[in-house]
Amino acid sequence: MEYPKLIENSAKNYLFQTLKQCHNNRTTIYYYVFNIGIFIIFITIVGITLYYCSKNKMSDLDKRKKMLRDQEYILTKIRFHKDELATHNEKTTDITNLPMANRDW
């Protein structure tokens, strides 16, 4: 038994091709909108990052102050360890580097 056709084949084919073309146009538009949106977001993030980096850049005076602070810190640590070594050497004997023994017998 053959079912009745409500639309003839040429009209059916025309509607199918029209819907297919509309789908292709829509996906193309979505593709371009999505890519342009991602590009704008990327450019915005890069721009904000570069602006933030340039805004928080240290001046030459600040760099010198920081370098002097770091050098002073390192020198105090070196002095501290030299003093520790000197006090340790005072408490040890010269021959064996063992601590001095206090003999009260």
PDB file of N, CA and C in Angstrom:
ATOM      1  N   MET A   1       0.829  -1.173   0.000  1.00  0.00           N
ATOM      2  CA  MET A   1       0.000   0.000   0.000  1.00  0.00           C
ATOM      3  C   MET A   1       0.882   1.248   0.000  1.00  0.00           C
ATOM      4  N   GLU A   2       0.579   2.149  -0.838  1.00  0.00           N
ATOM      5  CA  GLU A   2       1.356   3.369  -0.970  1.00  0.00           C
ATOM      6  C   GLU A   2       0.656   4.486  -0.210  1.00  0.00           C
ATOM      7  N   TYR A   3       1.458   5.179   0.616  1.00  0.00           N
ATOM      8  CA  TYR A   3       0.898   6.274   1.410  1.00  0.00           C
ATOM      9  C   TYR A   3       0.716   7.510   0.540  1.00  0.00           C
ATOM     10  N   PRO A   4      -0.279   8.299   0.831  1.00  0.00           N
ATOM     11  CA  PRO A   4      -0.490   9.502   0.024  1.00  0.00           C
ATOM     12  C   PRO A   4       0.584  10.549   0.336  1.00  0.00           C
ATOM     13  N   LYS A   5       0.982  11.292  -0.670  1.00  0.00           N
ATOM     14  CA  LYS A   5       1.991  12.346  -0.510  1.00  0.00           C
ATOM     15  C   LYS A   5       1.269  13.681  -0.428  1.00  0.00           C
ATOM     16  N   LEU A   6       1.606  14.435   0.610  1.00  0.00           N
ATOM     17  CA  LEU A   6       0.951  15.721   0.814  1.00  0.00           C
ATOM     18  C   LEU A   6       1.646  16.845   0.045  1.00  0.00           C
ATOM     19  N   ILE A   7       2.866  16.598  -0.387  1.00  0.00           N
ATOM     20  CA  ILE A   7       3.636  17.613  -1.098  1.00  0.00           C
ATOM     21  C   ILE A   7       4.346  16.921  -2.252  1.00  0.00           C
ATOM     22  N   GLU A   8       4.466  17.594  -3.359  1.00  0.00           N
ATOM     23  CA  GLU A   8       5.113  16.936  -4.487  1.00  0.00           C
ATOM     24  C   GLU A   8       6.626  17.013  -4.321  1.00  0.00           C
ATOM     25  N   ASN A   9       7.346  16.190  -5.055  1.00  0.00           N
ATOM     26  CA  ASN A   9       8.792  16.020  -4.871  1.00  0.00           C
ATOM     27  C   ASN A   9       9.576  17.295  -5.150  1.00  0.00           C
ATOM     28  N   SER A  10       9.229  18.056  -6.133  1.00  0.00           N
ATOM     29  CA  SER A  10       9.990  19.273  -6.447  1.00  0.00           C
ATOM     30  C   SER A  10       9.850  20.310  -5.324  1.00  0.00           C
ATOM     31  N   ALA A  11       8.665  20.456  -4.758  1.00  0.00           N
ATOM     32  CA  ALA A  11       8.466  21.390  -3.644  1.00  0.00           C
ATOM     33  C   ALA A  11       9.204  20.896  -2.404  1.00  0.00           C
ATOM     34  N   LYS A  12       9.169  19.587  -2.189  1.00  0.00           N
ATOM     35  CA  LYS A  12       9.876  18.995  -1.049  1.00  0.00           C
ATOM     36  C   LYS A  12      11.375  19.231  -1.189  1.00  0.00           C
ATOM     37  N   ASN A  13      11.915  19.018  -2.385  1.00  0.00           N
ATOM     38  CA  ASN A  13      13.333  19.221  -2.637  1.00  0.00           C
ATOM     39  C   ASN A  13      13.696  20.701  -2.470  1.00  0.00           C
ATOM     40  N   TYR A  14      12.864  21.607  -2.949  1.00  0.00           N
ATOM     41  CA  TYR A  14      13.104  23.046  -2.818  1.00  0.00           C
ATOM     42  C   TYR A  14      13.137  23.450  -1.339  1.00  0.00           C
ATOM     43  N   LEU A  15      12.185  22.980  -0.541  1.00  0.00           N
ATOM     44  CA  LEU A  15      12.159  23.304   0.893  1.00  0.00           C
ATOM     45  C   LEU A  15      13.379  22.728   1.612  1.00  0.00           C
ATOM     46  N   PHE A  16      13.758  21.508   1.240  1.00  0.00           N
ATOM     47  CA  PHE A  16      14.919  20.871   1.862  1.00  0.00           C
ATOM     48  C   PHE A  16      16.182  21.675   1.565  1.00  0.00           C
ATOM     49  N   GLN A  17      16.369  22.077   0.312  1.00  0.00           N
ATOM     50  CA  GLN A  17      17.554  22.854  -0.068  1.00  0.00           C
ATOM     51  C   GLN A  17      17.551  24.235   0.602  1.00  0.00           C
ATOM     52  N   THR A  18      16.385  24.841   0.717  1.00  0.00           N
ATOM     53  CA  THR A  18      16.283  26.148   1.377  1.00  0.00           C
ATOM     54  C   THR A  18      16.638  26.034   2.860  1.00  0.00           C
ATOM     55  N   LEU A  19      16.124  25.012   3.526  1.00  0.00           N
ATOM     56  CA  LEU A  19      16.447  24.800   4.942  1.00  0.00           C
ATOM     57  C   LEU A  19      17.929  24.479   5.125  1.00  0.00           C
ATOM     58  N   LYS A  20      18.492  23.726   4.208  1.00  0.00           N
ATOM     59  CA  LYS A  20      19.912  23.382   4.271  1.00  0.00           C
ATOM     60  C   LYS A  20      20.763  24.647   4.116  1.00  0.00           C
ATOM     61  N   GLN A  21      20.381  25.521   3.181  1.00  0.00           N
ATOM     62  CA  GLN A  21      21.107  26.769   2.979  1.00  0.00           C
ATOM     63  C   GLN A  21      20.968  27.686   4.204  1.00  0.00           C
ATOM     64  N   CYS A  22      19.794  27.746   4.797  1.00  0.00           N
ATOM     65  CA  CYS A  22      19.594  28.546   6.017  1.00  0.00           C
ATOM     66  C   CYS A  22      20.468  28.025   7.154  1.00  0.00           C
ATOM     67  N   HIS A  23      20.563  26.710   7.270  1.00  0.00           N
ATOM     68  CA  HIS A  23      21.402  26.101   8.311  1.00  0.00           C
ATOM     69  C   HIS A  23      22.868  26.465   8.080  1.00  0.00           C
ATOM     70  N   ASN A  24      23.327  26.370   6.832  1.00  0.00           N
ATOM     71  CA  ASN A  24      24.721  26.719   6.527  1.00  0.00           C
ATOM     72  C   ASN A  24      24.995  28.192   6.818  1.00  0.00           C
ATOM     73  N   ASN A  25      24.063  29.062   6.459  1.00  0.00           N
ATOM     74  CA  ASN A  25      24.233  30.493   6.747  1.00  0.00           C
ATOM     75  C   ASN A  25      24.292  30.747   8.249  1.00  0.00           C
ATOM     76  N   ARG A  26      23.423  30.103   8.994  1.00  0.00           N
ATOM     77  CA  ARG A  26      23.387  30.287  10.444  1.00  0.00           C
ATOM     78  C   ARG A  26      24.684  29.798  11.086  1.00  0.00           C
ATOM     79  N   THR A  27      25.175  28.615  10.693  1.00  0.00           N
ATOM     80  CA  THR A  27      26.418  28.109  11.281  1.00  0.00           C
ATOM     81  C   THR A  27      27.596  29.005  10.907  1.00  0.00           C
ATOM     82  N   THR A  28      27.598  29.555   9.689  1.00  0.00           N
ATOM     83  CA  THR A  28      28.670  30.467   9.290  1.00  0.00           C
ATOM     84  C   THR A  28      28.639  31.736  10.134  1.00  0.00           C
ATOM     85  N   ILE A  29      27.462  32.282  10.349  1.00  0.00           N
ATOM     86  CA  ILE A  29      27.338  33.491  11.176  1.00  0.00           C
ATOM     87  C   ILE A  29      27.762  33.192  12.612  1.00  0.00           C
ATOM     88  N   TYR A  30      27.332  32.066  13.185  1.00  0.00           N
ATOM     89  CA  TYR A  30      27.741  31.691  14.539  1.00  0.00           C
ATOM     90  C   TYR A  30      29.252  31.521  14.617  1.00  0.00           C
ATOM     91  N   TYR A  31      29.837  30.936  13.584  1.00  0.00           N
ATOM     92  CA  TYR A  31      31.278  30.717  13.535  1.00  0.00           C
ATOM     93  C   TYR A  31      32.018  32.054  13.600  1.00  0.00           C
ATOM     94  N   TYR A  32      31.600  33.017  12.762  1.00  0.00           N
ATOM     95  CA  TYR A  32      32.265  34.317  12.757  1.00  0.00           C
ATOM     96  C   TYR A  32      32.032  35.076  14.060  1.00  0.00           C
ATOM     97  N   VAL A  33      30.841  35.058  14.585  1.00  0.00           N
ATOM     98  CA  VAL A  33      30.550  35.758  15.845  1.00  0.00           C
ATOM     99  C   VAL A  33      31.367  35.155  16.983  1.00  0.00           C
ATOM    100  N   PHE A  34      31.440  33.840  17.038  1.00  0.00           N
ATOM    101  CA  PHE A  34      32.207  33.174  18.097  1.00  0.00           C
ATOM    102  C   PHE A  34      33.692  33.527  17.987  1.00  0.00           C
ATOM    103  N   ASN A  35      34.257  33.447  16.788  1.00  0.00           N
ATOM    104  CA  ASN A  35      35.681  33.744  16.607  1.00  0.00           C
ATOM    105  C   ASN A  35      36.000  35.205  16.905  1.00  0.00           C
ATOM    106  N   ILE A  36      35.146  36.111  16.470  1.00  0.00           N
ATOM    107  CA  ILE A  36      35.379  37.528  16.755  1.00  0.00           C
ATOM    108  C   ILE A  36      35.255  37.790  18.258  1.00  0.00           C
ATOM    109  N   GLY A  37      34.310  37.146  18.917  1.00  0.00           N
ATOM    110  CA  GLY A  37      34.159  37.302  20.367  1.00  0.00           C
ATOM    111  C   GLY A  37      35.377  36.804  21.121  1.00  0.00           C
ATOM    112  N   ILE A  38      35.874  35.633  20.744  1.00  0.00           N
ATOM    113  CA  ILE A  38      37.070  35.086  21.397  1.00  0.00           C
ATOM    114  C   ILE A  38      38.271  35.997  21.140  1.00  0.00           C
ATOM    115  N   PHE A  39      38.392  36.517  19.928  1.00  0.00           N
ATOM    116  CA  PHE A  39      39.495  37.425  19.599  1.00  0.00           C
ATOM    117  C   PHE A  39      39.429  38.694  20.449  1.00  0.00           C
ATOM    118  N   ILE A  40      38.254  39.258  20.603  1.00  0.00           N
ATOM    119  CA  ILE A  40      38.097  40.474  21.416  1.00  0.00           C
ATOM    120  C   ILE A  40      38.433  40.192  22.879  1.00  0.00           C
ATOM    121  N   ILE A  41      37.996  39.057  23.394  1.00  0.00           N
ATOM    122  CA  ILE A  41      38.319  38.690  24.781  1.00  0.00           C
ATOM    123  C   ILE A  41      39.827  38.522  24.945  1.00  0.00           C
ATOM    124  N   PHE A  42      40.473  37.864  23.990  1.00  0.00           N
ATOM    125  CA  PHE A  42      41.920  37.653  24.043  1.00  0.00           C
ATOM    126  C   PHE A  42      42.667  38.987  24.015  1.00  0.00           C
ATOM    127  N   ILE A  43      42.282  39.875  23.104  1.00  0.00           N
ATOM    128  CA  ILE A  43      42.932  41.185  23.003  1.00  0.00           C
ATOM    129  C   ILE A  43      42.719  41.988  24.284  1.00  0.00           C
ATOM    130  N   THR A  44      41.544  41.891  24.877  1.00  0.00           N
ATOM    131  CA  THR A  44      41.258  42.601  26.124  1.00  0.00           C
ATOM    132  C   THR A  44      42.149  42.094  27.251  1.00  0.00           C
ATOM    133  N   ILE A  45      42.286  40.786  27.372  1.00  0.00           N
ATOM    134  CA  ILE A  45      43.124  40.211  28.433  1.00  0.00           C
ATOM    135  C   ILE A  45      44.579  40.613  28.233  1.00  0.00           C
ATOM    136  N   VAL A  46      45.073  40.534  26.997  1.00  0.00           N
ATOM    137  CA  VAL A  46      46.460  40.930  26.721  1.00  0.00           C
ATOM    138  C   VAL A  46      46.656  42.416  27.016  1.00  0.00           C
ATOM    139  N   GLY A  47      45.704  43.246  26.618  1.00  0.00           N
ATOM    140  CA  GLY A  47      45.806  44.683  26.868  1.00  0.00           C
ATOM    141  C   GLY A  47      45.817  45.014  28.347  1.00  0.00           C
ATOM    142  N   ILE A  48      44.938  44.377  29.109  1.00  0.00           N
ATOM    143  CA  ILE A  48      44.893  44.616  30.558  1.00  0.00           C
ATOM    144  C   ILE A  48      46.192  44.169  31.208  1.00  0.00           C
ATOM    145  N   THR A  49      46.719  43.026  30.777  1.00  0.00           N
ATOM    146  CA  THR A  49      47.976  42.521  31.339  1.00  0.00           C
ATOM    147  C   THR A  49      49.128  43.477  31.042  1.00  0.00           C
ATOM    148  N   LEU A  50      49.235  43.929  29.805  1.00  0.00           N
ATOM    149  CA  LEU A  50      50.310  44.857  29.454  1.00  0.00           C
ATOM    150  C   LEU A  50      50.169  46.185  30.193  1.00  0.00           C
ATOM    151  N   TYR A  51      48.963  46.682  30.329  1.00  0.00           N
ATOM    152  CA  TYR A  51      48.739  47.929  31.061  1.00  0.00           C
ATOM    153  C   TYR A  51      49.129  47.765  32.528  1.00  0.00           C
ATOM    154  N   TYR A  52      48.742  46.649  33.132  1.00  0.00           N
ATOM    155  CA  TYR A  52      49.066  46.400  34.535  1.00  0.00           C
ATOM    156  C   TYR A  52      50.579  46.300  34.727  1.00  0.00           C
ATOM    157  N   CYS A  53      51.259  45.615  33.798  1.00  0.00           N
ATOM    158  CA  CYS A  53      52.712  45.477  33.911  1.00  0.00           C
ATOM    159  C   CYS A  53      53.415  46.824  33.763  1.00  0.00           C
ATOM    160  N   SER A  54      52.947  47.644  32.842  1.00  0.00           N
ATOM    161  CA  SER A  54      53.598  48.939  32.653  1.00  0.00           C
ATOM    162  C   SER A  54      53.281  49.893  33.803  1.00  0.00           C
ATOM    163  N   LYS A  55      52.120  49.758  34.406  1.00  0.00           N
ATOM    164  CA  LYS A  55      51.727  50.633  35.507  1.00  0.00           C
ATOM    165  C   LYS A  55      52.525  50.310  36.773  1.00  0.00           C
ATOM    166  N   ASN A  56      52.815  49.037  37.007  1.00  0.00           N
ATOM    167  CA  ASN A  56      53.509  48.625  38.231  1.00  0.00           C
ATOM    168  C   ASN A  56      55.009  48.467  38.029  1.00  0.00           C
ATOM    169  N   LYS A  57      55.537  49.009  36.958  1.00  0.00           N
ATOM    170  CA  LYS A  57      56.967  48.915  36.693  1.00  0.00           C
ATOM    171  C   LYS A  57      57.724  49.787  37.691  1.00  0.00           C
ATOM    172  N   MET A  58      58.816  49.240  38.233  1.00  0.00           N
ATOM    173  CA  MET A  58      59.600  49.973  39.222  1.00  0.00           C
ATOM    174  C   MET A  58      60.446  51.038  38.529  1.00  0.00           C
ATOM    175  N   SER A  59      60.567  52.193  39.172  1.00  0.00           N
ATOM    176  CA  SER A  59      61.420  53.254  38.633  1.00  0.00           C
ATOM    177  C   SER A  59      62.877  52.918  38.958  1.00  0.00           C
ATOM    178  N   ASP A  60      63.791  53.679  38.361  1.00  0.00           N
ATOM    179  CA  ASP A  60      65.212  53.428  38.604  1.00  0.00           C
ATOM    180  C   ASP A  60      65.571  53.654  40.069  1.00  0.00           C
ATOM    181  N   LEU A  61      64.977  54.659  40.686  1.00  0.00           N
ATOM    182  CA  LEU A  61      65.246  54.936  42.097  1.00  0.00           C
ATOM    183  C   LEU A  61      64.769  53.776  42.976  1.00  0.00           C
ATOM    184  N   ASP A  62      63.582  53.254  42.685  1.00  0.00           N
ATOM    185  CA  ASP A  62      63.067  52.118  43.453  1.00  0.00           C
ATOM    186  C   ASP A  62      63.936  50.878  43.253  1.00  0.00           C
ATOM    187  N   LYS A  63      64.420  50.687  42.023  1.00  0.00           N
ATOM    188  CA  LYS A  63      65.295  49.537  41.758  1.00  0.00           C
ATOM    189  C   LYS A  63      66.583  49.643  42.562  1.00  0.00           C
ATOM    190  N   ARG A  64      67.152  50.859  42.617  1.00  0.00           N
ATOM    191  CA  ARG A  64      68.386  51.052  43.391  1.00  0.00           C
ATOM    192  C   ARG A  64      68.151  50.806  44.877  1.00  0.00           C
ATOM    193  N   LYS A  65      67.027  51.337  45.390  1.00  0.00           N
ATOM    194  CA  LYS A  65      66.716  51.132  46.809  1.00  0.00           C
ATOM    195  C   LYS A  65      66.560  49.654  47.123  1.00  0.00           C
ATOM    196  N   LYS A  66      65.875  48.937  46.256  1.00  0.00           N
ATOM    197  CA  LYS A  66      65.678  47.503  46.474  1.00  0.00           C
ATOM    198  C   LYS A  66      67.010  46.760  46.411  1.00  0.00           C
ATOM    199  N   MET A  67      67.870  47.137  45.453  1.00  0.00           N
ATOM    200  CA  MET A  67      69.169  46.495  45.334  1.00  0.00           C
ATOM    201  C   MET A  67      70.006  46.751  46.586  1.00  0.00           C
ATOM    202  N   LEU A  68      69.990  47.983  47.100  1.00  0.00           N
ATOM    203  CA  LEU A  68      70.744  48.294  48.316  1.00  0.00           C
ATOM    204  C   LEU A  68      70.194  47.530  49.520  1.00  0.00           C
ATOM    205  N   ARG A  69      68.861  47.432  49.617  1.00  0.00           N
ATOM    206  CA  ARG A  69      68.258  46.654  50.706  1.00  0.00           C
ATOM    207  C   ARG A  69      68.689  45.194  50.634  1.00  0.00           C
ATOM    208  N   ASP A  70      68.665  44.628  49.425  1.00  0.00           N
ATOM    209  CA  ASP A  70      69.068  43.233  49.262  1.00  0.00           C
ATOM    210  C   ASP A  70      70.542  43.041  49.599  1.00  0.00           C
ATOM    211  N   GLN A  71      71.388  43.971  49.159  1.00  0.00           N
ATOM    212  CA  GLN A  71      72.812  43.866  49.466  1.00  0.00           C
ATOM    213  C   GLN A  71      73.054  43.973  50.966  1.00  0.00           C
ATOM    214  N   GLU A  72      72.352  44.883  51.616  1.00  0.00           N
ATOM    215  CA  GLU A  72      72.508  45.039  53.066  1.00  0.00           C
ATOM    216  C   GLU A  72      72.072  43.769  53.797  1.00  0.00           C
ATOM    217  N   TYR A  73      70.991  43.175  53.341  1.00  0.00           N
ATOM    218  CA  TYR A  73      70.513  41.934  53.952  1.00  0.00           C
ATOM    219  C   TYR A  73      71.557  40.827  53.806  1.00  0.00           C
ATOM    220  N   ILE A  74      72.121  40.703  52.611  1.00  0.00           N
ATOM    221  CA  ILE A  74      73.133  39.667  52.374  1.00  0.00           C
ATOM    222  C   ILE A  74      74.367  39.923  53.226  1.00  0.00           C
ATOM    223  N   LEU A  75      74.792  41.181  53.320  1.00  0.00           N
ATOM    224  CA  LEU A  75      75.970  41.498  54.131  1.00  0.00           C
ATOM    225  C   LEU A  75      75.727  41.218  55.611  1.00  0.00           C
ATOM    226  N   THR A  76      74.542  41.500  56.122  1.00  0.00           N
ATOM    227  CA  THR A  76      74.268  41.188  57.531  1.00  0.00           C
ATOM    228  C   THR A  76      74.294  39.685  57.759  1.00  0.00           C
ATOM    229  N   LYS A  77      73.799  38.912  56.807  1.00  0.00           N
ATOM    230  CA  LYS A  77      73.848  37.450  56.955  1.00  0.00           C
ATOM    231  C   LYS A  77      75.289  36.953  56.935  1.00  0.00           C
ATOM    232  N   ILE A  78      76.116  37.529  56.062  1.00  0.00           N
ATOM    233  CA  ILE A  78      77.528  37.126  56.006  1.00  0.00           C
ATOM    234  C   ILE A  78      78.219  37.476  57.315  1.00  0.00           C
ATOM    235  N   ARG A  79      77.972  38.684  57.839  1.00  0.00           N
ATOM    236  CA  ARG A  79      78.573  39.078  59.123  1.00  0.00           C
ATOM    237  C   ARG A  79      78.123  38.159  60.252  1.00  0.00           C
ATOM    238  N   PHE A  80      76.851  37.825  60.261  1.00  0.00           N
ATOM    239  CA  PHE A  80      76.328  36.942  61.300  1.00  0.00           C
ATOM    240  C   PHE A  80      77.028  35.588  61.260  1.00  0.00           C
ATOM    241  N   HIS A  81      77.172  35.028  60.076  1.00  0.00           N
ATOM    242  CA  HIS A  81      77.808  33.711  59.973  1.00  0.00           C
ATOM    243  C   HIS A  81      79.301  33.780  60.279  1.00  0.00           C
ATOM    244  N   LYS A  82      79.953  34.888  59.940  1.00  0.00           N
ATOM    245  CA  LYS A  82      81.363  35.048  60.309  1.00  0.00           C
ATOM    246  C   LYS A  82      81.508  35.119  61.823  1.00  0.00           C
ATOM    247  N   ASP A  83      80.623  35.860  62.488  1.00  0.00           N
ATOM    248  CA  ASP A  83      80.663  35.943  63.948  1.00  0.00           C
ATOM    249  C   ASP A  83      80.401  34.582  64.578  1.00  0.00           C
ATOM    250  N   GLU A  84      79.463  33.849  64.029  1.00  0.00           N
ATOM    251  CA  GLU A  84      79.178  32.503  64.541  1.00  0.00           C
ATOM    252  C   GLU A  84      80.401  31.606  64.391  1.00  0.00           C
ATOM    253  N   LEU A  85      81.060  31.692  63.243  1.00  0.00           N
ATOM    254  CA  LEU A  85      82.253  30.876  63.012  1.00  0.00           C
ATOM    255  C   LEU A  85      83.371  31.290  63.960  1.00  0.00           C
ATOM    256  N   ALA A  86      83.509  32.588  64.205  1.00  0.00           N
ATOM    257  CA  ALA A  86      84.556  33.062  65.119  1.00  0.00           C
ATOM    258  C   ALA A  86      84.287  32.579  66.539  1.00  0.00           C
ATOM    259  N   THR A  87      83.050  32.661  67.009  1.00  0.00           N
ATOM    260  CA  THR A  87      82.752  32.183  68.365  1.00  0.00           C
ATOM    261  C   THR A  87      82.907  30.671  68.446  1.00  0.00           C
ATOM    262  N   HIS A  88      82.597  29.980  67.380  1.00  0.00           N
ATOM    263  CA  HIS A  88      82.770  28.523  67.379  1.00  0.00           C
ATOM    264  C   HIS A  88      84.257  28.175  67.420  1.00  0.00           C
ATOM    265  N   ASN A  89      85.082  28.921  66.680  1.00  0.00           N
ATOM    266  CA  ASN A  89      86.521  28.660  66.666  1.00  0.00           C
ATOM    267  C   ASN A  89      87.161  28.995  68.007  1.00  0.00           C
ATOM    268  N   GLU A  90      86.626  29.962  68.731  1.00  0.00           N
ATOM    269  CA  GLU A  90      87.162  30.294  70.049  1.00  0.00           C
ATOM    270  C   GLU A  90      86.887  29.181  71.051  1.00  0.00           C
ATOM    271  N   LYS A  91      85.800  28.482  70.869  1.00  0.00           N
ATOM    272  CA  LYS A  91      85.417  27.445  71.821  1.00  0.00           C
ATOM    273  C   LYS A  91      86.032  26.089  71.503  1.00  0.00           C
ATOM    274  N   THR A  92      86.720  25.964  70.376  1.00  0.00           N
ATOM    275  CA  THR A  92      87.310  24.675  70.010  1.00  0.00           C
ATOM    276  C   THR A  92      88.822  24.763  70.116  1.00  0.00           C
ATOM    277  N   THR A  93      89.441  23.600  70.211  1.00  0.00           N
ATOM    278  CA  THR A  93      90.901  23.549  70.261  1.00  0.00           C
ATOM    279  C   THR A  93      91.446  23.656  68.849  1.00  0.00           C
ATOM    280  N   ASP A  94      92.702  24.047  68.748  1.00  0.00           N
ATOM    281  CA  ASP A  94      93.301  24.244  67.430  1.00  0.00           C
ATOM    282  C   ASP A  94      93.705  22.924  66.776  1.00  0.00           C
ATOM    283  N   ILE A  95      93.983  21.910  67.560  1.00  0.00           N
ATOM    284  CA  ILE A  95      94.504  20.667  66.998  1.00  0.00           C
ATOM    285  C   ILE A  95      93.392  19.807  66.412  1.00  0.00           C
ATOM    286  N   THR A  96      92.339  19.560  67.173  1.00  0.00           N
ATOM    287  CA  THR A  96      91.327  18.591  66.738  1.00  0.00           C
ATOM    288  C   THR A  96      89.975  19.201  66.398  1.00  0.00           C
ATOM    289  N   ASN A  97      89.808  20.459  66.591  1.00  0.00           N
ATOM    290  CA  ASN A  97      88.522  21.136  66.380  1.00  0.00           C
ATOM    291  C   ASN A  97      87.401  20.535  67.221  1.00  0.00           C
ATOM    292  N   LEU A  98      87.775  19.997  68.373  1.00  0.00           N
ATOM    293  CA  LEU A  98      86.789  19.495  69.321  1.00  0.00           C
ATOM    294  C   LEU A  98      86.546  20.569  70.373  1.00  0.00           C
ATOM    295  N   PRO A  99      85.391  20.565  70.995  1.00  0.00           N
ATOM    296  CA  PRO A  99      85.133  21.576  72.026  1.00  0.00           C
ATOM    297  C   PRO A  99      86.073  21.408  73.215  1.00  0.00           C
ATOM    298  N   MET A 100      86.345  22.514  73.863  1.00  0.00           N
ATOM    299  CA  MET A 100      87.216  22.497  75.039  1.00  0.00           C
ATOM    300  C   MET A 100      86.481  21.818  76.187  1.00  0.00           C
ATOM    301  N   ALA A 101      87.218  21.059  76.946  1.00  0.00           N
ATOM    302  CA  ALA A 101      86.637  20.383  78.100  1.00  0.00           C
ATOM    303  C   ALA A 101      87.075  21.120  79.363  1.00  0.00           C
ATOM    304  N   ASN A 102      86.133  21.451  80.189  1.00  0.00           N
ATOM    305  CA  ASN A 102      86.436  22.098  81.465  1.00  0.00           C
ATOM    306  C   ASN A 102      86.638  21.005  82.505  1.00  0.00           C
ATOM    307  N   ARG A 103      87.875  20.853  82.922  1.00  0.00           N
ATOM    308  CA  ARG A 103      88.175  19.806  83.898  1.00  0.00           C
ATOM    309  C   ARG A 103      88.398  20.456  85.255  1.00  0.00           C
ATOM    310  N   ASP A 104      87.543  20.084  86.135  1.00  0.00           N
ATOM    311  CA  ASP A 104      87.658  20.616  87.494  1.00  0.00           C
ATOM    312  C   ASP A 104      88.037  19.512  88.480  1.00  0.00           C
ATOM    313  N   TRP A 105      88.910  18.554  88.135  1.00  0.00           N
ATOM    314  CA  TRP A 105      89.282  17.530  89.077  1.00  0.00           C
ATOM    315  C   TRP A 105      90.497  17.836  89.758  1.00  0.00           C
TER     316      TRP A 105
END
